[in-house]
Amino acid sequence: MDEDVRQKLIEAGKILKQAVSEAAEKIAPGVKILDVAEFVESRIVELGAKPAFPANISINSDAAHFTPKRNDDRVFREGDVVKLDVGAHIDGYIADMAITVDLGDNTELVKASREALEAAIEVAGAGVSVSEIGKAIEEAITNYGLKPVVNLTGHGLLPYLTHAPPSIYNYATEKGVTLEEGMVIAIEPFATNGVGRVGERGECEIYSLLNPRPVRMKMAREILKEVEEKYKTLPFAKRWLKKAPDIIISKLAKDGLLRA
């Protein structure tokens, strides 16, 4: 790996760690979810990087990929299990980090996830199959009588691309690639006391540029230009586009210009 690239990744990681740590301290009953999202996103910028994707703040049975909408007035509540998943980038080189904040009595769930991550990091390295990482994750989680979420995975990170090969499974499997020198990966264990699978629900608030092409509507052209200039192929939140009507964003996604 080029040394300049390596330093950008390290710096993005340091910035992200500080921003996430500060944001986690603000998570408490009665605090608005939107306030925490906007804090961590702006803090990343203040520290010298940019958000690699909208702050994901998923609560309880929502495992991942939730970000608050514009003027969202929902708050954290006593007993919540809060997953804060955030990314930062410098010139497109991405760091990705998540932390669980327990506002209830979910100690075993949090410990299982933490130990699964530590076990995976211990195993990971060039020449190691991702199946070995998945095995380490699954064993750490099942030791607590819990299950890994099998249809959520870790992933590779490439410049301006938050989800790239390889997939890092959260369970033992015979399939999967061998890690190579220079790869950048995000290991993302998910432990649950449920069935171990997730589905999709709710409104989409996160999009990314998919297939830009000329469009007739002036406002649609302006939205695409803003997205391409500011975010390139990185995910963005609808709330980041202050003047973009939801109906036009949805139309651009329906027409295949944006990925929902």
Protein backbone atom coordinates (compact mmCIF):
# COMPACT_ATOMS: atom_id res chain seq x y z
CA MET A 1 0.00 0.00 0.00
CA ASP A 2 1.21 3.48 -0.88
CA GLU A 3 2.43 5.27 2.25
CA ASP A 4 0.38 8.40 1.50
CA VAL A 5 -2.78 6.28 1.26
CA ARG A 6 -1.88 4.47 4.46
CA GLN A 7 -1.47 7.74 6.34
CA LYS A 8 -4.83 9.04 5.09
CA LEU A 9 -6.52 5.86 6.30
CA ILE A 10 -4.84 6.12 9.70
CA GLU A 11 -5.74 9.79 10.08
CA ALA A 12 -9.35 9.16 9.03
CA GLY A 13 -9.49 6.39 11.63
CA LYS A 14 -8.14 8.62 14.40
CA ILE A 15 -10.61 11.37 13.56
CA LEU A 16 -13.47 8.90 13.43
CA LYS A 17 -12.57 7.33 16.76
CA GLN A 18 -12.61 10.72 18.49
CA ALA A 19 -15.86 11.85 16.87
CA VAL A 20 -17.66 8.59 17.66
CA SER A 21 -16.40 8.56 21.25
CA GLU A 22 -17.70 12.09 21.80
CA ALA A 23 -21.03 11.29 20.13
CA ALA A 24 -21.52 8.14 22.20
CA GLU A 25 -21.30 10.22 25.37
CA LYS A 26 -24.27 12.30 24.18
CA ILE A 27 -26.57 9.29 23.75
CA ALA A 28 -29.01 9.30 26.68
CA PRO A 29 -32.76 9.03 27.29
CA GLY A 30 -34.58 12.11 26.01
CA VAL A 31 -31.84 13.20 23.60
CA LYS A 32 -32.89 13.60 19.96
CA ILE A 33 -31.46 11.01 17.57
CA LEU A 34 -31.05 13.72 14.94
CA ASP A 35 -28.96 15.85 17.29
CA VAL A 36 -26.45 13.02 17.78
CA ALA A 37 -26.30 12.30 14.05
CA GLU A 38 -25.67 15.93 13.17
CA PHE A 39 -23.12 16.28 15.97
CA VAL A 40 -20.96 13.35 14.87
CA GLU A 41 -21.14 14.32 11.20
CA SER A 42 -20.13 17.93 11.87
CA ARG A 43 -17.45 16.85 14.36
CA ILE A 44 -15.77 14.74 11.68
CA VAL A 45 -15.53 17.84 9.50
CA GLU A 46 -14.21 19.97 12.36
CA LEU A 47 -11.45 17.42 12.97
CA GLY A 48 -10.31 17.47 9.35
CA ALA A 49 -12.13 14.71 7.47
CA LYS A 50 -15.56 14.27 5.84
CA PRO A 51 -18.39 11.84 6.59
CA ALA A 52 -18.07 8.72 4.42
CA PHE A 53 -21.79 8.04 4.84
CA PRO A 54 -24.65 9.40 6.97
CA ALA A 55 -24.46 8.51 10.64
CA ASN A 56 -26.38 5.26 11.12
CA ILE A 57 -28.18 5.19 14.47
CA SER A 58 -30.14 1.97 14.73
CA ILE A 59 -32.11 1.12 17.85
CA ASN A 60 -33.21 -2.21 19.33
CA SER A 61 -34.48 -4.58 16.60
CA ASP A 62 -33.30 -2.18 13.87
CA ALA A 63 -29.89 -3.71 13.24
CA ALA A 64 -28.35 -1.23 10.81
CA HIS A 65 -28.69 1.45 8.14
CA PHE A 66 -31.12 3.82 9.87
CA THR A 67 -30.41 7.54 9.74
CA PRO A 68 -32.82 10.22 10.99
CA LYS A 69 -34.77 12.32 8.53
CA ARG A 70 -35.09 16.09 8.31
CA ASN A 71 -36.67 17.59 11.43
CA ASP A 72 -36.82 14.14 13.05
CA ASP A 73 -38.07 14.57 16.63
CA ARG A 74 -37.57 10.98 17.83
CA VAL A 75 -35.54 10.54 21.01
CA PHE A 76 -33.57 7.82 22.75
CA ARG A 77 -35.45 5.99 25.49
CA GLU A 78 -34.54 4.14 28.65
CA GLY A 79 -33.78 0.50 27.80
CA ASP A 80 -32.67 1.15 24.20
CA VAL A 81 -29.79 -0.71 22.58
CA VAL A 82 -28.23 1.91 20.30
CA LYS A 83 -25.88 1.03 17.43
CA LEU A 84 -23.91 4.04 16.23
CA ASP A 85 -22.21 3.29 12.88
CA VAL A 86 -20.19 6.10 11.31
CA GLY A 87 -17.61 6.57 8.56
CA ALA A 88 -15.01 9.23 7.80
CA HIS A 89 -12.86 9.73 4.74
CA ILE A 90 -9.90 11.77 3.59
CA ASP A 91 -9.74 12.15 -0.19
CA GLY A 92 -12.01 9.11 -0.51
CA TYR A 93 -9.98 6.81 1.74
CA ILE A 94 -12.48 5.49 4.26
CA ALA A 95 -12.50 4.50 7.91
CA ASP A 96 -15.63 2.75 9.20
CA MET A 97 -16.48 2.29 12.88
CA ALA A 98 -19.41 1.28 15.06
CA ILE A 99 -20.11 1.28 18.78
CA THR A 100 -23.02 -0.01 20.86
CA VAL A 101 -24.46 2.16 23.63
CA ASP A 102 -26.64 0.27 26.10
CA LEU A 103 -29.35 2.36 27.77
CA GLY A 104 -30.80 -0.71 29.46
CA ASP A 105 -29.68 -4.04 30.81
CA ASN A 106 -28.15 -5.71 27.75
CA THR A 107 -24.66 -6.39 29.06
CA GLU A 108 -24.34 -9.88 27.58
CA LEU A 109 -25.36 -8.70 24.11
CA VAL A 110 -22.79 -5.91 24.14
CA LYS A 111 -20.05 -8.15 25.53
CA ALA A 112 -20.72 -10.81 22.90
CA SER A 113 -20.40 -8.28 20.09
CA ARG A 114 -17.22 -6.80 21.55
CA GLU A 115 -15.60 -10.19 22.06
CA ALA A 116 -16.60 -11.26 18.55
CA LEU A 117 -14.86 -8.20 17.12
CA GLU A 118 -11.74 -8.81 19.19
CA ALA A 119 -11.66 -12.47 18.12
CA ALA A 120 -12.03 -11.50 14.47
CA ILE A 121 -9.23 -8.92 14.67
CA GLU A 122 -6.99 -11.52 16.31
CA VAL A 123 -7.52 -13.89 13.38
CA ALA A 124 -7.54 -11.40 10.48
CA GLY A 125 -4.49 -10.85 8.31
CA ALA A 126 -3.06 -11.37 4.85
CA GLY A 127 -3.36 -15.02 3.83
CA VAL A 128 -6.34 -15.69 6.12
CA SER A 129 -9.66 -16.80 4.64
CA VAL A 130 -12.71 -14.75 5.55
CA SER A 131 -14.30 -18.05 6.56
CA GLU A 132 -11.87 -18.18 9.49
CA ILE A 133 -12.96 -14.71 10.56
CA GLY A 134 -16.61 -15.77 10.37
CA LYS A 135 -15.88 -18.84 12.47
CA ALA A 136 -14.22 -16.72 15.17
CA ILE A 137 -17.17 -14.32 15.22
CA GLU A 138 -19.77 -17.07 15.43
CA GLU A 139 -17.97 -18.90 18.23
CA ALA A 140 -17.63 -15.75 20.34
CA ILE A 141 -21.31 -14.90 19.95
CA THR A 142 -22.72 -18.39 20.48
CA ASN A 143 -20.64 -18.74 23.65
CA TYR A 144 -23.13 -16.28 25.16
CA GLY A 145 -26.14 -18.26 23.97
CA LEU A 146 -26.80 -15.67 21.26
CA LYS A 147 -26.86 -15.82 17.46
CA PRO A 148 -24.90 -13.94 14.79
CA VAL A 149 -26.97 -12.08 12.20
CA VAL A 150 -26.17 -14.15 9.13
CA ASN A 151 -27.42 -11.82 6.39
CA LEU A 152 -25.40 -8.80 7.49
CA THR A 153 -21.69 -8.84 6.76
CA GLY A 154 -18.53 -6.85 7.04
CA HIS A 155 -17.02 -5.70 3.78
CA GLY A 156 -14.11 -4.21 1.93
CA LEU A 157 -13.46 -0.48 1.61
CA LEU A 158 -12.21 1.16 -1.58
CA PRO A 159 -11.74 4.85 -2.49
CA TYR A 160 -15.19 6.49 -2.48
CA LEU A 161 -16.82 3.04 -2.14
CA THR A 162 -18.13 2.03 1.28
CA HIS A 163 -19.21 -1.51 0.41
CA ALA A 164 -16.73 -3.43 -1.72
CA PRO A 165 -15.54 -7.05 -1.85
CA PRO A 166 -14.80 -9.11 0.10
CA SER A 167 -17.81 -9.90 2.26
CA ILE A 168 -16.79 -10.71 5.84
CA TYR A 169 -19.31 -13.24 7.13
CA ASN A 170 -20.47 -13.38 10.73
CA TYR A 171 -20.65 -17.17 10.77
CA ALA A 172 -18.56 -20.18 9.79
CA THR A 173 -18.77 -20.94 6.07
CA GLU A 174 -16.83 -22.86 3.46
CA LYS A 175 -17.04 -20.00 0.97
CA GLY A 176 -15.15 -16.73 0.88
CA VAL A 177 -11.89 -15.29 -0.33
CA THR A 178 -8.46 -15.10 1.22
CA LEU A 179 -7.38 -11.68 2.48
CA GLU A 180 -4.49 -10.06 0.63
CA GLU A 181 -1.84 -7.54 1.63
CA GLY A 182 -3.14 -4.00 1.13
CA MET A 183 -6.84 -4.81 1.49
CA VAL A 184 -8.90 -2.52 3.73
CA ILE A 185 -11.81 -4.23 5.46
CA ALA A 186 -14.56 -3.43 7.94
CA ILE A 187 -15.36 -6.28 10.34
CA GLU A 188 -18.94 -5.92 11.59
CA PRO A 189 -20.18 -8.58 14.04
CA PHE A 190 -23.90 -8.47 14.84
CA ALA A 191 -25.11 -10.44 17.85
CA THR A 192 -28.81 -10.95 18.56
CA ASN A 193 -31.17 -12.76 20.90
CA GLY A 194 -33.58 -13.07 17.97
CA VAL A 195 -33.68 -15.41 14.98
CA GLY A 196 -30.41 -14.24 13.44
CA ARG A 197 -31.73 -12.69 10.23
CA VAL A 198 -32.93 -9.20 9.32
CA GLY A 199 -35.33 -7.78 6.76
CA GLU A 200 -35.99 -4.33 5.33
CA ARG A 201 -38.56 -1.86 6.60
CA GLY A 202 -39.27 1.86 6.83
CA GLU A 203 -38.64 4.76 4.49
CA CYS A 204 -35.35 5.11 2.66
CA GLU A 205 -33.27 8.07 3.83
CA ILE A 206 -29.86 7.07 2.41
CA TYR A 207 -28.96 7.21 -1.29
CA SER A 208 -25.88 7.18 -3.51
CA LEU A 209 -25.07 8.11 -7.09
CA LEU A 210 -25.64 5.14 -9.39
CA ASN A 211 -25.93 6.06 -13.06
CA PRO A 212 -25.78 9.82 -13.73
CA ARG A 213 -27.10 10.92 -17.09
CA PRO A 214 -28.79 13.99 -18.58
CA VAL A 215 -32.26 14.78 -17.23
CA ARG A 216 -34.79 17.37 -18.32
CA MET A 217 -35.94 18.79 -15.00
CA LYS A 218 -33.75 21.70 -13.83
CA MET A 219 -34.01 20.87 -10.13
CA ALA A 220 -33.15 17.23 -10.81
CA ARG A 221 -30.05 18.35 -12.72
CA GLU A 222 -29.04 20.58 -9.81
CA ILE A 223 -29.49 17.72 -7.33
CA LEU A 224 -27.37 15.35 -9.41
CA LYS A 225 -24.68 18.00 -9.81
CA GLU A 226 -24.58 18.63 -6.05
CA VAL A 227 -24.38 14.91 -5.28
CA GLU A 228 -21.63 14.26 -7.81
CA GLU A 229 -19.54 17.24 -6.69
CA LYS A 230 -19.93 16.74 -2.93
CA TYR A 231 -20.24 12.99 -2.45
CA LYS A 232 -19.19 11.29 -5.70
CA THR A 233 -20.21 7.64 -5.19
CA LEU A 234 -20.42 7.84 -1.39
CA PRO A 235 -23.82 7.50 0.35
CA PHE A 236 -25.64 10.66 1.40
CA ALA A 237 -28.75 11.43 3.46
CA LYS A 238 -31.78 13.21 2.08
CA ARG A 239 -31.42 15.69 4.95
CA TRP A 240 -27.97 16.67 3.61
CA LEU A 241 -29.63 18.11 0.49
CA LYS A 242 -31.32 21.10 2.08
CA LYS A 243 -33.31 22.24 -0.97
CA ALA A 244 -34.05 18.88 -2.58
CA PRO A 245 -37.72 17.78 -2.42
CA ASP A 246 -38.16 14.15 -1.39
CA ILE A 247 -40.35 13.47 -4.41
CA ILE A 248 -37.55 14.36 -6.84
CA ILE A 249 -34.98 12.26 -4.98
CA SER A 250 -37.40 9.32 -5.07
CA LYS A 251 -37.98 9.85 -8.80
CA LEU A 252 -34.23 9.86 -9.49
CA ALA A 253 -33.94 6.59 -7.60
CA LYS A 254 -36.90 5.07 -9.45
CA ASP A 255 -35.33 6.07 -12.77
CA GLY A 256 -32.02 4.42 -11.84
CA LEU A 257 -29.87 7.53 -11.40
CA LEU A 258 -29.62 7.12 -7.63
CA ARG A 259 -29.30 3.95 -5.57
CA ALA A 260 -31.69 3.73 -2.63
